[in-house]
Amino acid sequence: MRAAKEAKQTMLEMAADMMDAGVEEVKAIEGGFGLRDGSKKVTVEEVLHYCYRTGRRLLGKGWWCVPKVKLDPETNQGDPFHIFAFGTQVAEVEVDIETGQVEVKRVVAAHDVGKAINPALVKSQLEGSVVMGLGFTLSEELVIEGGYIKNPSLSEFLIPTAKDSVEIVPIIVEDPYPNGPFGAKGVGEPGCVPTAAAVANAVYDAIGVRITKLPLNPERVWRALQAHKGGAGDTVAGSSRR
């Protein structure tokens, strides 16, 4: 935000130069800049071309430092981090009790993003995070034997692709963060966190078997079912929130 303000100031100066006026006489208007008395105006495109022709680089810079956390050294009480993101996810699954195959039908992901500066991008971030979480939940398993990784390629360590995605319903919750730009918080990683718990709880709701090791691949689910000796029919469905 600070970088954008500095870049905007450069554009104001260049617009003033184009209109033979002082910077204090220029203001931003819809689609460009104009004199405060309304006598002249230039478009953003014209200012950008003018910057290029005159060799003026349209750059802005800004920096921000993470606020210091406050922990009581005697009790260790306080906030260990300067910002907290909150969210909840609901997963709907179907489990084939004959094969142990888990199919996630839908994930609803509601997350506190502080302020959604670009709502479309925020929703895309949430969707991508959920897909990453599904990979961690259902298929990604690093096999290590004797200190060696036994599945070192993506043909054996299976990550989800676009074709493996499911119906995802992203819900933006805005609780502004005072130290973030316009109240924004981070949104890239929080969506990954509750996915596995939501799916695992849904599987438990469906088959009555609590599985505490990931991924929930067919073999692991089938073995858990056999050990439990429960369930009937071909498929069962469940849902959970986390």
Foldseek 3Di string as FASTA:
>chain_A
DQWVVQLVLVLLCLFCVVVVHDSVQKDADVQFIDGPVRPDTDGPVVSVVSCVVVVNDRTGDDDDDADDWDADPVPRDGDPGDDDKDKKKKWKWKAFLVQLAIATAEMEIEIEFQDCPPVVVLQVLLQVLLQQLLLWAAFADFDDDPNDTPQPDCVRRPGDDPVSGHHYHYHYDHDADVPDDVRGDDRNHPSNPCNNVFSQVFVCQWWVFRDDDDHSYRVSSNVSCVVVVDDDDGMTMGMGMD
